[in-house]
Amino acid sequence: VAYLENAFGIGYEQPLNSLWTAQFSLPANDPKVEECKPLYYVEIF
């Protein structure tokens, strides 16, 4: 549904035997903020 070329502050944690987490930020005026809906998926490289 969207490619987030303006994402920043990207990070992730991969603790052993625990839930992996990731985070990122988008500028408030980025039109793709609306595509980041709860339970959607984000692919991180």
PDB file of all heavy atoms in Angstrom:
ATOM      1  N   VAL A   1       0.807  -1.224   0.000  1.00  0.00           N
ATOM      2  CA  VAL A   1       0.000   0.000   0.000  1.00  0.00           C
ATOM      3  C   VAL A   1       0.838   1.272   0.000  1.00  0.00           C
ATOM      4  O   VAL A   1       0.335   2.325  -0.402  1.00  0.00           O
ATOM      5  CB  VAL A   1      -1.004   0.034   1.180  1.00  0.00           C
ATOM      6  CG1 VAL A   1      -2.034  -1.058   1.044  1.00  0.00           C
ATOM      7  CG2 VAL A   1      -0.301  -0.051   2.513  1.00  0.00           C
ATOM      8  N   ALA A   2       2.099   1.217   0.436  1.00  0.00           N
ATOM      9  CA  ALA A   2       2.918   2.434   0.442  1.00  0.00           C
ATOM     10  C   ALA A   2       4.395   2.093   0.582  1.00  0.00           C
ATOM     11  O   ALA A   2       4.759   1.101   1.204  1.00  0.00           O
ATOM     12  CB  ALA A   2       2.503   3.344   1.594  1.00  0.00           C
ATOM     13  N   TYR A   3       5.208   2.956  -0.004  1.00  0.00           N
ATOM     14  CA  TYR A   3       6.646   2.910   0.170  1.00  0.00           C
ATOM     15  C   TYR A   3       7.025   4.129   1.000  1.00  0.00           C
ATOM     16  O   TYR A   3       6.672   5.255   0.641  1.00  0.00           O
ATOM     17  CB  TYR A   3       7.351   2.943  -1.188  1.00  0.00           C
ATOM     18  CG  TYR A   3       8.850   2.987  -1.072  1.00  0.00           C
ATOM     19  CD1 TYR A   3       9.560   1.858  -0.699  1.00  0.00           C
ATOM     20  CD2 TYR A   3       9.549   4.157  -1.327  1.00  0.00           C
ATOM     21  CE1 TYR A   3      10.938   1.896  -0.578  1.00  0.00           C
ATOM     22  CE2 TYR A   3      10.923   4.200  -1.209  1.00  0.00           C
ATOM     23  CZ  TYR A   3      11.609   3.068  -0.830  1.00  0.00           C
ATOM     24  OH  TYR A   3      12.966   3.110  -0.704  1.00  0.00           O
ATOM     25  N   LEU A   4       7.696   3.923   2.116  1.00  0.00           N
ATOM     26  CA  LEU A   4       7.989   5.010   3.055  1.00  0.00           C
ATOM     27  C   LEU A   4       9.388   5.562   2.849  1.00  0.00           C
ATOM     28  O   LEU A   4      10.308   5.319   3.632  1.00  0.00           O
ATOM     29  CB  LEU A   4       7.824   4.506   4.496  1.00  0.00           C
ATOM     30  CG  LEU A   4       6.475   3.890   4.838  1.00  0.00           C
ATOM     31  CD1 LEU A   4       6.460   3.377   6.262  1.00  0.00           C
ATOM     32  CD2 LEU A   4       5.356   4.895   4.617  1.00  0.00           C
ATOM     33  N   GLU A   5       9.555   6.355   1.814  1.00  0.00           N
ATOM     34  CA  GLU A   5      10.877   6.888   1.523  1.00  0.00           C
ATOM     35  C   GLU A   5      11.310   7.991   2.482  1.00  0.00           C
ATOM     36  O   GLU A   5      12.489   8.324   2.560  1.00  0.00           O
ATOM     37  CB  GLU A   5      10.964   7.389   0.079  1.00  0.00           C
ATOM     38  CG  GLU A   5      10.025   8.509  -0.272  1.00  0.00           C
ATOM     39  CD  GLU A   5       8.659   8.021  -0.735  1.00  0.00           C
ATOM     40  OE1 GLU A   5       8.497   6.834  -1.050  1.00  0.00           O
ATOM     41  OE2 GLU A   5       7.737   8.834  -0.761  1.00  0.00           O
ATOM     42  N   ASN A   6      10.389   8.570   3.262  1.00  0.00           N
ATOM     43  CA  ASN A   6      10.733   9.643   4.200  1.00  0.00           C
ATOM     44  C   ASN A   6      10.872   9.169   5.642  1.00  0.00           C
ATOM     45  O   ASN A   6      10.990   9.993   6.550  1.00  0.00           O
ATOM     46  CB  ASN A   6       9.683  10.757   4.126  1.00  0.00           C
ATOM     47  CG  ASN A   6       9.671  11.425   2.779  1.00  0.00           C
ATOM     48  OD1 ASN A   6      10.715  11.610   2.165  1.00  0.00           O
ATOM     49  ND2 ASN A   6       8.494  11.763   2.293  1.00  0.00           N
ATOM     50  N   ALA A   7      10.857   7.860   5.869  1.00  0.00           N
ATOM     51  CA  ALA A   7      10.981   7.333   7.230  1.00  0.00           C
ATOM     52  C   ALA A   7      12.355   7.667   7.800  1.00  0.00           C
ATOM     53  O   ALA A   7      13.354   7.692   7.087  1.00  0.00           O
ATOM     54  CB  ALA A   7      10.756   5.833   7.233  1.00  0.00           C
ATOM     55  N   PHE A   8      12.399   7.947   9.106  1.00  0.00           N
ATOM     56  CA  PHE A   8      13.661   8.230   9.784  1.00  0.00           C
ATOM     57  C   PHE A   8      13.586   7.670  11.201  1.00  0.00           C
ATOM     58  O   PHE A   8      12.528   7.227  11.650  1.00  0.00           O
ATOM     59  CB  PHE A   8      13.966   9.736   9.791  1.00  0.00           C
ATOM     60  CG  PHE A   8      12.966  10.559  10.567  1.00  0.00           C
ATOM     61  CD1 PHE A   8      13.198  10.889  11.887  1.00  0.00           C
ATOM     62  CD2 PHE A   8      11.796  10.999   9.971  1.00  0.00           C
ATOM     63  CE1 PHE A   8      12.281  11.643  12.602  1.00  0.00           C
ATOM     64  CE2 PHE A   8      10.864  11.756  10.673  1.00  0.00           C
ATOM     65  CZ  PHE A   8      11.113  12.076  11.996  1.00  0.00           C
ATOM     66  N   GLY A   9      14.696   7.673  11.915  1.00  0.00           N
ATOM     67  CA  GLY A   9      14.715   7.135  13.277  1.00  0.00           C
ATOM     68  C   GLY A   9      14.371   5.655  13.307  1.00  0.00           C
ATOM     69  O   GLY A   9      13.744   5.175  14.230  1.00  0.00           O
ATOM     70  N   ILE A  10      14.795   4.946  12.288  1.00  0.00           N
ATOM     71  CA  ILE A  10      14.448   3.525  12.145  1.00  0.00           C
ATOM     72  C   ILE A  10      15.352   2.688  13.035  1.00  0.00           C
ATOM     73  O   ILE A  10      16.565   2.886  13.060  1.00  0.00           O
ATOM     74  CB  ILE A  10      14.595   3.082  10.681  1.00  0.00           C
ATOM     75  CG1 ILE A  10      13.723   3.953   9.781  1.00  0.00           C
ATOM     76  CG2 ILE A  10      14.256   1.610  10.524  1.00  0.00           C
ATOM     77  CD1 ILE A  10      14.096   3.868   8.318  1.00  0.00           C
ATOM     78  N   GLY A  11      14.746   1.770  13.764  1.00  0.00           N
ATOM     79  CA  GLY A  11      15.527   0.873  14.607  1.00  0.00           C
ATOM     80  C   GLY A  11      14.770  -0.403  14.870  1.00  0.00           C
ATOM     81  O   GLY A  11      13.565  -0.491  14.626  1.00  0.00           O
ATOM     82  N   TYR A  12      15.478  -1.395  15.361  1.00  0.00           N
ATOM     83  CA  TYR A  12      14.833  -2.653  15.719  1.00  0.00           C
ATOM     84  C   TYR A  12      15.643  -3.356  16.800  1.00  0.00           C
ATOM     85  O   TYR A  12      16.828  -3.077  16.981  1.00  0.00           O
ATOM     86  CB  TYR A  12      14.644  -3.562  14.498  1.00  0.00           C
ATOM     87  CG  TYR A  12      15.929  -3.995  13.838  1.00  0.00           C
ATOM     88  CD1 TYR A  12      16.562  -5.176  14.201  1.00  0.00           C
ATOM     89  CD2 TYR A  12      16.500  -3.226  12.833  1.00  0.00           C
ATOM     90  CE1 TYR A  12      17.734  -5.571  13.585  1.00  0.00           C
ATOM     91  CE2 TYR A  12      17.665  -3.617  12.215  1.00  0.00           C
ATOM     92  CZ  TYR A  12      18.283  -4.786  12.590  1.00  0.00           C
ATOM     93  OH  TYR A  12      19.440  -5.176  11.983  1.00  0.00           O
ATOM     94  N   GLU A  13      14.973  -4.233  17.539  1.00  0.00           N
ATOM     95  CA  GLU A  13      15.610  -5.052  18.568  1.00  0.00           C
ATOM     96  C   GLU A  13      15.211  -6.488  18.330  1.00  0.00           C
ATOM     97  O   GLU A  13      14.052  -6.776  18.048  1.00  0.00           O
ATOM     98  CB  GLU A  13      15.168  -4.617  19.957  1.00  0.00           C
ATOM     99  CG  GLU A  13      15.614  -3.219  20.332  1.00  0.00           C
ATOM    100  CD  GLU A  13      15.180  -2.838  21.734  1.00  0.00           C
ATOM    101  OE1 GLU A  13      14.926  -3.742  22.555  1.00  0.00           O
ATOM    102  OE2 GLU A  13      15.084  -1.628  21.984  1.00  0.00           O
ATOM    103  N   GLN A  14      16.183  -7.384  18.451  1.00  0.00           N
ATOM    104  CA  GLN A  14      15.945  -8.808  18.247  1.00  0.00           C
ATOM    105  C   GLN A  14      16.423  -9.597  19.471  1.00  0.00           C
ATOM    106  O   GLN A  14      17.371 -10.365  19.394  1.00  0.00           O
ATOM    107  CB  GLN A  14      16.678  -9.297  17.001  1.00  0.00           C
ATOM    108  CG  GLN A  14      16.208  -8.640  15.731  1.00  0.00           C
ATOM    109  CD  GLN A  14      17.064  -9.034  14.543  1.00  0.00           C
ATOM    110  OE1 GLN A  14      18.267  -8.954  14.585  1.00  0.00           O
ATOM    111  NE2 GLN A  14      16.406  -9.459  13.479  1.00  0.00           N
ATOM    112  N   PRO A  15      15.762  -9.422  20.628  1.00  0.00           N
ATOM    113  CA  PRO A  15      16.203 -10.132  21.821  1.00  0.00           C
ATOM    114  C   PRO A  15      15.977 -11.645  21.684  1.00  0.00           C
ATOM    115  O   PRO A  15      14.998 -12.084  21.073  1.00  0.00           O
ATOM    116  CB  PRO A  15      15.343  -9.549  22.932  1.00  0.00           C
ATOM    117  CG  PRO A  15      14.169  -8.956  22.246  1.00  0.00           C
ATOM    118  CD  PRO A  15      14.609  -8.583  20.863  1.00  0.00           C
ATOM    119  N   LEU A  16      16.883 -12.403  22.240  1.00  0.00           N
ATOM    120  CA  LEU A  16      16.793 -13.855  22.206  1.00  0.00           C
ATOM    121  C   LEU A  16      15.581 -14.323  23.017  1.00  0.00           C
ATOM    122  O   LEU A  16      15.342 -13.832  24.116  1.00  0.00           O
ATOM    123  CB  LEU A  16      18.079 -14.460  22.779  1.00  0.00           C
ATOM    124  CG  LEU A  16      18.233 -15.963  22.671  1.00  0.00           C
ATOM    125  CD1 LEU A  16      18.245 -16.408  21.212  1.00  0.00           C
ATOM    126  CD2 LEU A  16      19.515 -16.400  23.361  1.00  0.00           C
ATOM    127  N   ASN A  17      14.804 -15.222  22.452  1.00  0.00           N
ATOM    128  CA  ASN A  17      13.628 -15.803  23.118  1.00  0.00           C
ATOM    129  C   ASN A  17      12.619 -14.754  23.569  1.00  0.00           C
ATOM    130  O   ASN A  17      12.014 -14.876  24.628  1.00  0.00           O
ATOM    131  CB  ASN A  17      14.046 -16.651  24.314  1.00  0.00           C
ATOM    132  CG  ASN A  17      14.854 -17.850  23.905  1.00  0.00           C
ATOM    133  OD1 ASN A  17      14.640 -18.414  22.833  1.00  0.00           O
ATOM    134  ND2 ASN A  17      15.803 -18.236  24.728  1.00  0.00           N
ATOM    135  N   SER A  18      12.448 -13.718  22.770  1.00  0.00           N
ATOM    136  CA  SER A  18      11.498 -12.673  23.107  1.00  0.00           C
ATOM    137  C   SER A  18      10.944 -12.065  21.819  1.00  0.00           C
ATOM    138  O   SER A  18      11.424 -12.349  20.725  1.00  0.00           O
ATOM    139  CB  SER A  18      12.192 -11.594  23.943  1.00  0.00           C
ATOM    140  OG  SER A  18      11.256 -10.668  24.423  1.00  0.00           O
ATOM    141  N   LEU A  19       9.952 -11.245  21.954  1.00  0.00           N
ATOM    142  CA  LEU A  19       9.310 -10.594  20.820  1.00  0.00           C
ATOM    143  C   LEU A  19      10.232  -9.548  20.208  1.00  0.00           C
ATOM    144  O   LEU A  19      10.782  -8.704  20.912  1.00  0.00           O
ATOM    145  CB  LEU A  19       8.014  -9.927  21.292  1.00  0.00           C
ATOM    146  CG  LEU A  19       7.141  -9.280  20.240  1.00  0.00           C
ATOM    147  CD1 LEU A  19       6.599 -10.338  19.285  1.00  0.00           C
ATOM    148  CD2 LEU A  19       5.989  -8.555  20.916  1.00  0.00           C
ATOM    149  N   TRP A  20      10.433  -9.607  18.892  1.00  0.00           N
ATOM    150  CA  TRP A  20      11.221  -8.600  18.194  1.00  0.00           C
ATOM    151  C   TRP A  20      10.383  -7.343  18.047  1.00  0.00           C
ATOM    152  O   TRP A  20       9.159  -7.411  17.839  1.00  0.00           O
ATOM    153  CB  TRP A  20      11.619  -9.093  16.818  1.00  0.00           C
ATOM    154  CG  TRP A  20      12.615 -10.194  16.791  1.00  0.00           C
ATOM    155  CD1 TRP A  20      13.100 -10.902  17.853  1.00  0.00           C
ATOM    156  CD2 TRP A  20      13.254 -10.728  15.644  1.00  0.00           C
ATOM    157  NE1 TRP A  20      14.002 -11.829  17.433  1.00  0.00           N
ATOM    158  CE2 TRP A  20      14.113 -11.754  16.076  1.00  0.00           C
ATOM    159  CE3 TRP A  20      13.184 -10.440  14.298  1.00  0.00           C
ATOM    160  CZ2 TRP A  20      14.900 -12.480  15.195  1.00  0.00           C
ATOM    161  CZ3 TRP A  20      13.965 -11.170  13.427  1.00  0.00           C
ATOM    162  CH2 TRP A  20      14.820 -12.172  13.867  1.00  0.00           C
ATOM    163  N   THR A  21      11.000  -6.204  18.146  1.00  0.00           N
ATOM    164  CA  THR A  21      10.297  -4.937  17.986  1.00  0.00           C
ATOM    165  C   THR A  21      11.063  -4.033  17.022  1.00  0.00           C
ATOM    166  O   THR A  21      12.267  -4.189  16.827  1.00  0.00           O
ATOM    167  CB  THR A  21      10.146  -4.193  19.329  1.00  0.00           C
ATOM    168  OG1 THR A  21      11.441  -3.934  19.870  1.00  0.00           O
ATOM    169  CG2 THR A  21       9.310  -5.013  20.312  1.00  0.00           C
ATOM    170  N   ALA A  22      10.335  -3.108  16.425  1.00  0.00           N
ATOM    171  CA  ALA A  22      10.933  -2.126  15.520  1.00  0.00           C
ATOM    172  C   ALA A  22      10.205  -0.807  15.713  1.00  0.00           C
ATOM    173  O   ALA A  22       9.082  -0.766  16.223  1.00  0.00           O
ATOM    174  CB  ALA A  22      10.818  -2.592  14.075  1.00  0.00           C
ATOM    175  N   GLN A  23      10.871   0.263  15.311  1.00  0.00           N
ATOM    176  CA  GLN A  23      10.249   1.583  15.381  1.00  0.00           C
ATOM    177  C   GLN A  23      10.754   2.433  14.233  1.00  0.00           C
ATOM    178  O   GLN A  23      11.830   2.195  13.692  1.00  0.00           O
ATOM    179  CB  GLN A  23      10.523   2.274  16.719  1.00  0.00           C
ATOM    180  CG  GLN A  23      11.971   2.604  16.996  1.00  0.00           C
ATOM    181  CD  GLN A  23      12.773   1.431  17.518  1.00  0.00           C
ATOM    182  OE1 GLN A  23      12.228   0.476  18.055  1.00  0.00           O
ATOM    183  NE2 GLN A  23      14.078   1.492  17.348  1.00  0.00           N
ATOM    184  N   PHE A  24       9.939   3.411  13.854  1.00  0.00           N
ATOM    185  CA  PHE A  24      10.318   4.387  12.834  1.00  0.00           C
ATOM    186  C   PHE A  24       9.445   5.612  13.015  1.00  0.00           C
ATOM    187  O   PHE A  24       8.429   5.575  13.704  1.00  0.00           O
ATOM    188  CB  PHE A  24      10.176   3.819  11.413  1.00  0.00           C
ATOM    189  CG  PHE A  24       8.778   3.495  11.008  1.00  0.00           C
ATOM    190  CD1 PHE A  24       7.995   4.427  10.349  1.00  0.00           C
ATOM    191  CD2 PHE A  24       8.239   2.255  11.273  1.00  0.00           C
ATOM    192  CE1 PHE A  24       6.691   4.127   9.966  1.00  0.00           C
ATOM    193  CE2 PHE A  24       6.943   1.939  10.903  1.00  0.00           C
ATOM    194  CZ  PHE A  24       6.173   2.880  10.242  1.00  0.00           C
ATOM    195  N   SER A  25       9.866   6.700  12.408  1.00  0.00           N
ATOM    196  CA  SER A  25       9.097   7.945  12.449  1.00  0.00           C
ATOM    197  C   SER A  25       8.899   8.439  11.026  1.00  0.00           C
ATOM    198  O   SER A  25       9.691   8.134  10.139  1.00  0.00           O
ATOM    199  CB  SER A  25       9.849   9.011  13.249  1.00  0.00           C
ATOM    200  OG  SER A  25       9.993   8.624  14.593  1.00  0.00           O
ATOM    201  N   LEU A  26       7.839   9.205  10.851  1.00  0.00           N
ATOM    202  CA  LEU A  26       7.547   9.869   9.576  1.00  0.00           C
ATOM    203  C   LEU A  26       7.265  11.329   9.858  1.00  0.00           C
ATOM    204  O   LEU A  26       6.706  11.666  10.909  1.00  0.00           O
ATOM    205  CB  LEU A  26       6.310   9.261   8.907  1.00  0.00           C
ATOM    206  CG  LEU A  26       6.430   7.896   8.270  1.00  0.00           C
ATOM    207  CD1 LEU A  26       5.064   7.391   7.832  1.00  0.00           C
ATOM    208  CD2 LEU A  26       7.369   7.950   7.078  1.00  0.00           C
ATOM    209  N   PRO A  27       7.590  12.221   8.935  1.00  0.00           N
ATOM    210  CA  PRO A  27       7.188  13.616   9.108  1.00  0.00           C
ATOM    211  C   PRO A  27       5.660  13.708   9.195  1.00  0.00           C
ATOM    212  O   PRO A  27       4.950  12.970   8.500  1.00  0.00           O
ATOM    213  CB  PRO A  27       7.699  14.302   7.831  1.00  0.00           C
ATOM    214  CG  PRO A  27       8.776  13.407   7.307  1.00  0.00           C
ATOM    215  CD  PRO A  27       8.371  12.015   7.709  1.00  0.00           C
ATOM    216  N   ALA A  28       5.162  14.591  10.041  1.00  0.00           N
ATOM    217  CA  ALA A  28       3.713  14.718  10.233  1.00  0.00           C
ATOM    218  C   ALA A  28       2.987  15.079   8.953  1.00  0.00           C
ATOM    219  O   ALA A  28       1.834  14.696   8.752  1.00  0.00           O
ATOM    220  CB  ALA A  28       3.418  15.747  11.322  1.00  0.00           C
ATOM    221  N   ASN A  29       3.658  15.787   8.058  1.00  0.00           N
ATOM    222  CA  ASN A  29       2.999  16.210   6.817  1.00  0.00           C
ATOM    223  C   ASN A  29       3.187  15.211   5.678  1.00  0.00           C
ATOM    224  O   ASN A  29       2.794  15.485   4.547  1.00  0.00           O
ATOM    225  CB  ASN A  29       3.501  17.593   6.400  1.00  0.00           C
ATOM    226  CG  ASN A  29       4.991  17.620   6.133  1.00  0.00           C
ATOM    227  OD1 ASN A  29       5.709  16.659   6.386  1.00  0.00           O
ATOM    228  ND2 ASN A  29       5.475  18.752   5.652  1.00  0.00           N
ATOM    229  N   ASP A  30       3.764  14.063   5.951  1.00  0.00           N
ATOM    230  CA  ASP A  30       3.936  13.028   4.923  1.00  0.00           C
ATOM    231  C   ASP A  30       2.573  12.401   4.634  1.00  0.00           C
ATOM    232  O   ASP A  30       1.910  11.899   5.545  1.00  0.00           O
ATOM    233  CB  ASP A  30       4.915  11.959   5.407  1.00  0.00           C
ATOM    234  CG  ASP A  30       5.332  10.989   4.311  1.00  0.00           C
ATOM    235  OD1 ASP A  30       4.462  10.580   3.509  1.00  0.00           O
ATOM    236  OD2 ASP A  30       6.515  10.627   4.266  1.00  0.00           O
ATOM    237  N   PRO A  31       2.115  12.410   3.387  1.00  0.00           N
ATOM    238  CA  PRO A  31       0.800  11.846   3.070  1.00  0.00           C
ATOM    239  C   PRO A  31       0.698  10.341   3.343  1.00  0.00           C
ATOM    240  O   PRO A  31      -0.398   9.813   3.487  1.00  0.00           O
ATOM    241  CB  PRO A  31       0.620  12.149   1.582  1.00  0.00           C
ATOM    242  CG  PRO A  31       1.981  12.445   1.062  1.00  0.00           C
ATOM    243  CD  PRO A  31       2.793  12.948   2.209  1.00  0.00           C
ATOM    244  N   LYS A  32       1.825   9.664   3.459  1.00  0.00           N
ATOM    245  CA  LYS A  32       1.800   8.219   3.685  1.00  0.00           C
ATOM    246  C   LYS A  32       1.590   7.845   5.150  1.00  0.00           C
ATOM    247  O   LYS A  32       1.434   6.677   5.471  1.00  0.00           O
ATOM    248  CB  LYS A  32       3.057   7.592   3.121  1.00  0.00           C
ATOM    249  CG  LYS A  32       3.089   7.771   1.603  1.00  0.00           C
ATOM    250  CD  LYS A  32       4.294   7.192   0.985  1.00  0.00           C
ATOM    251  CE  LYS A  32       4.247   7.465  -0.516  1.00  0.00           C
ATOM    252  NZ  LYS A  32       5.476   7.100  -1.152  1.00  0.00           N
ATOM    253  N   VAL A  33       1.529   8.844   6.032  1.00  0.00           N
ATOM    254  CA  VAL A  33       1.205   8.573   7.439  1.00  0.00           C
ATOM    255  C   VAL A  33      -0.139   7.854   7.518  1.00  0.00           C
ATOM    256  O   VAL A  33      -0.323   6.940   8.316  1.00  0.00           O
ATOM    257  CB  VAL A  33       1.188   9.882   8.266  1.00  0.00           C
ATOM    258  CG1 VAL A  33       0.563   9.661   9.633  1.00  0.00           C
ATOM    259  CG2 VAL A  33       2.587  10.445   8.400  1.00  0.00           C
ATOM    260  N   GLU A  34      -1.063   8.238   6.664  1.00  0.00           N
ATOM    261  CA  GLU A  34      -2.409   7.651   6.671  1.00  0.00           C
ATOM    262  C   GLU A  34      -2.414   6.180   6.279  1.00  0.00           C
ATOM    263  O   GLU A  34      -3.362   5.464   6.566  1.00  0.00           O
ATOM    264  CB  GLU A  34      -3.321   8.455   5.740  1.00  0.00           C
ATOM    265  CG  GLU A  34      -3.345   9.911   6.127  1.00  0.00           C
ATOM    266  CD  GLU A  34      -4.719  10.511   6.049  1.00  0.00           C
ATOM    267  OE1 GLU A  34      -5.658   9.829   5.615  1.00  0.00           O
ATOM    268  OE2 GLU A  34      -4.823  11.674   6.439  1.00  0.00           O
ATOM    269  N   GLU A  35      -1.360   5.714   5.610  1.00  0.00           N
ATOM    270  CA  GLU A  35      -1.274   4.305   5.197  1.00  0.00           C
ATOM    271  C   GLU A  35      -0.735   3.407   6.301  1.00  0.00           C
ATOM    272  O   GLU A  35      -0.777   2.186   6.185  1.00  0.00           O
ATOM    273  CB  GLU A  35      -0.386   4.173   3.954  1.00  0.00           C
ATOM    274  CG  GLU A  35      -0.857   4.969   2.767  1.00  0.00           C
ATOM    275  CD  GLU A  35      -2.210   4.527   2.239  1.00  0.00           C
ATOM    276  OE1 GLU A  35      -2.651   3.401   2.511  1.00  0.00           O
ATOM    277  OE2 GLU A  35      -2.844   5.325   1.533  1.00  0.00           O
ATOM    278  N   CYS A  36      -0.227   3.984   7.370  1.00  0.00           N
ATOM    279  CA  CYS A  36       0.338   3.215   8.482  1.00  0.00           C
ATOM    280  C   CYS A  36      -0.753   2.936   9.512  1.00  0.00           C
ATOM    281  O   CYS A  36      -0.813   3.543  10.574  1.00  0.00           O
ATOM    282  CB  CYS A  36       1.505   3.969   9.105  1.00  0.00           C
ATOM    283  SG  CYS A  36       2.858   4.224   7.960  1.00  0.00           S
ATOM    284  N   LYS A  37      -1.614   2.021   9.173  1.00  0.00           N
ATOM    285  CA  LYS A  37      -2.781   1.713   9.999  1.00  0.00           C
ATOM    286  C   LYS A  37      -2.460   0.591  10.980  1.00  0.00           C
ATOM    287  O   LYS A  37      -1.598  -0.249  10.715  1.00  0.00           O
ATOM    288  CB  LYS A  37      -3.950   1.307   9.105  1.00  0.00           C
ATOM    289  CG  LYS A  37      -4.374   2.430   8.185  1.00  0.00           C
ATOM    290  CD  LYS A  37      -5.501   2.021   7.287  1.00  0.00           C
ATOM    291  CE  LYS A  37      -5.842   3.206   6.378  1.00  0.00           C
ATOM    292  NZ  LYS A  37      -6.837   2.857   5.393  1.00  0.00           N
ATOM    293  N   PRO A  38      -3.163   0.563  12.115  1.00  0.00           N
ATOM    294  CA  PRO A  38      -2.933  -0.505  13.091  1.00  0.00           C
ATOM    295  C   PRO A  38      -3.073  -1.892  12.466  1.00  0.00           C
ATOM    296  O   PRO A  38      -3.968  -2.140  11.657  1.00  0.00           O
ATOM    297  CB  PRO A  38      -4.026  -0.275  14.137  1.00  0.00           C
ATOM    298  CG  PRO A  38      -4.335   1.179  14.031  1.00  0.00           C
ATOM    299  CD  PRO A  38      -4.171   1.513  12.566  1.00  0.00           C
ATOM    300  N   LEU A  39      -2.143  -2.740  12.818  1.00  0.00           N
ATOM    301  CA  LEU A  39      -2.047  -4.145  12.414  1.00  0.00           C
ATOM    302  C   LEU A  39      -1.563  -4.349  10.984  1.00  0.00           C
ATOM    303  O   LEU A  39      -1.391  -5.486  10.555  1.00  0.00           O
ATOM    304  CB  LEU A  39      -3.345  -4.901  12.665  1.00  0.00           C
ATOM    305  CG  LEU A  39      -3.829  -4.890  14.118  1.00  0.00           C
ATOM    306  CD1 LEU A  39      -5.115  -5.682  14.253  1.00  0.00           C
ATOM    307  CD2 LEU A  39      -2.771  -5.413  15.062  1.00  0.00           C
ATOM    308  N   TYR A  40      -1.336  -3.275  10.233  1.00  0.00           N
ATOM    309  CA  TYR A  40      -0.687  -3.420   8.933  1.00  0.00           C
ATOM    310  C   TYR A  40       0.754  -3.870   9.174  1.00  0.00           C
ATOM    311  O   TYR A  40       1.254  -3.825  10.290  1.00  0.00           O
ATOM    312  CB  TYR A  40      -0.705  -2.101   8.165  1.00  0.00           C
ATOM    313  CG  TYR A  40      -1.973  -1.854   7.369  1.00  0.00           C
ATOM    314  CD1 TYR A  40      -3.167  -2.484   7.666  1.00  0.00           C
ATOM    315  CD2 TYR A  40      -1.965  -0.956   6.316  1.00  0.00           C
ATOM    316  CE1 TYR A  40      -4.308  -2.242   6.924  1.00  0.00           C
ATOM    317  CE2 TYR A  40      -3.102  -0.704   5.571  1.00  0.00           C
ATOM    318  CZ  TYR A  40      -4.268  -1.351   5.872  1.00  0.00           C
ATOM    319  OH  TYR A  40      -5.393  -1.102   5.135  1.00  0.00           O
ATOM    320  N   TYR A  41       1.428  -4.291   8.130  1.00  0.00           N
ATOM    321  CA  TYR A  41       2.796  -4.794   8.222  1.00  0.00           C
ATOM    322  C   TYR A  41       3.776  -3.789   7.624  1.00  0.00           C
ATOM    323  O   TYR A  41       3.453  -3.110   6.660  1.00  0.00           O
ATOM    324  CB  TYR A  41       2.932  -6.112   7.446  1.00  0.00           C
ATOM    325  CG  TYR A  41       2.057  -7.220   7.951  1.00  0.00           C
ATOM    326  CD1 TYR A  41       0.797  -7.424   7.421  1.00  0.00           C
ATOM    327  CD2 TYR A  41       2.495  -8.077   8.950  1.00  0.00           C
ATOM    328  CE1 TYR A  41      -0.018  -8.452   7.874  1.00  0.00           C
ATOM    329  CE2 TYR A  41       1.696  -9.113   9.412  1.00  0.00           C
ATOM    330  CZ  TYR A  41       0.439  -9.290   8.868  1.00  0.00           C
ATOM    331  OH  TYR A  41      -0.365 -10.305   9.326  1.00  0.00           O
ATOM    332  N   VAL A  42       4.971  -3.747   8.188  1.00  0.00           N
ATOM    333  CA  VAL A  42       6.052  -2.939   7.645  1.00  0.00           C
ATOM    334  C   VAL A  42       7.260  -3.850   7.462  1.00  0.00           C
ATOM    335  O   VAL A  42       7.637  -4.589   8.367  1.00  0.00           O
ATOM    336  CB  VAL A  42       6.422  -1.773   8.585  1.00  0.00           C
ATOM    337  CG1 VAL A  42       7.613  -1.007   8.053  1.00  0.00           C
ATOM    338  CG2 VAL A  42       5.248  -0.844   8.773  1.00  0.00           C
ATOM    339  N   GLU A  43       7.836  -3.800   6.279  1.00  0.00           N
ATOM    340  CA  GLU A  43       9.026  -4.595   5.977  1.00  0.00           C
ATOM    341  C   GLU A  43      10.252  -3.714   6.176  1.00  0.00           C
ATOM    342  O   GLU A  43      10.328  -2.615   5.620  1.00  0.00           O
ATOM    343  CB  GLU A  43       8.962  -5.083   4.529  1.00  0.00           C
ATOM    344  CG  GLU A  43      10.088  -5.981   4.129  1.00  0.00           C
ATOM    345  CD  GLU A  43       9.883  -6.499   2.714  1.00  0.00           C
ATOM    346  OE1 GLU A  43       9.392  -5.734   1.848  1.00  0.00           O
ATOM    347  OE2 GLU A  43      10.213  -7.658   2.480  1.00  0.00           O
ATOM    348  N   ILE A  44      11.207  -4.185   6.977  1.00  0.00           N
ATOM    349  CA  ILE A  44      12.401  -3.401   7.279  1.00  0.00           C
ATOM    350  C   ILE A  44      13.636  -4.114   6.757  1.00  0.00           C
ATOM    351  O   ILE A  44      13.781  -5.331   6.911  1.00  0.00           O
ATOM    352  CB  ILE A  44      12.521  -3.154   8.795  1.00  0.00           C
ATOM    353  CG1 ILE A  44      11.358  -2.264   9.255  1.00  0.00           C
ATOM    354  CG2 ILE A  44      13.863  -2.524   9.145  1.00  0.00           C
ATOM    355  CD1 ILE A  44      11.381  -1.920  10.714  1.00  0.00           C
ATOM    356  N   PHE A  45      14.503  -3.335   6.135  1.00  0.00           N
ATOM    357  CA  PHE A  45      15.802  -3.821   5.660  1.00  0.00           C
ATOM    358  C   PHE A  45      16.898  -3.114   6.436  1.00  0.00           C
ATOM    359  O   PHE A  45      16.758  -1.948   6.810  1.00  0.00           O
ATOM    360  CB  PHE A  45      15.976  -3.518   4.170  1.00  0.00           C
ATOM    361  CG  PHE A  45      15.262  -4.471   3.272  1.00  0.00           C
ATOM    362  CD1 PHE A  45      13.907  -4.342   3.030  1.00  0.00           C
ATOM    363  CD2 PHE A  45      15.940  -5.505   2.659  1.00  0.00           C
ATOM    364  CE1 PHE A  45      13.234  -5.216   2.197  1.00  0.00           C
ATOM    365  CE2 PHE A  45      15.279  -6.394   1.819  1.00  0.00           C
ATOM    366  CZ  PHE A  45      13.929  -6.242   1.598  1.00  0.00           C
TER     367      PHE A  45
END
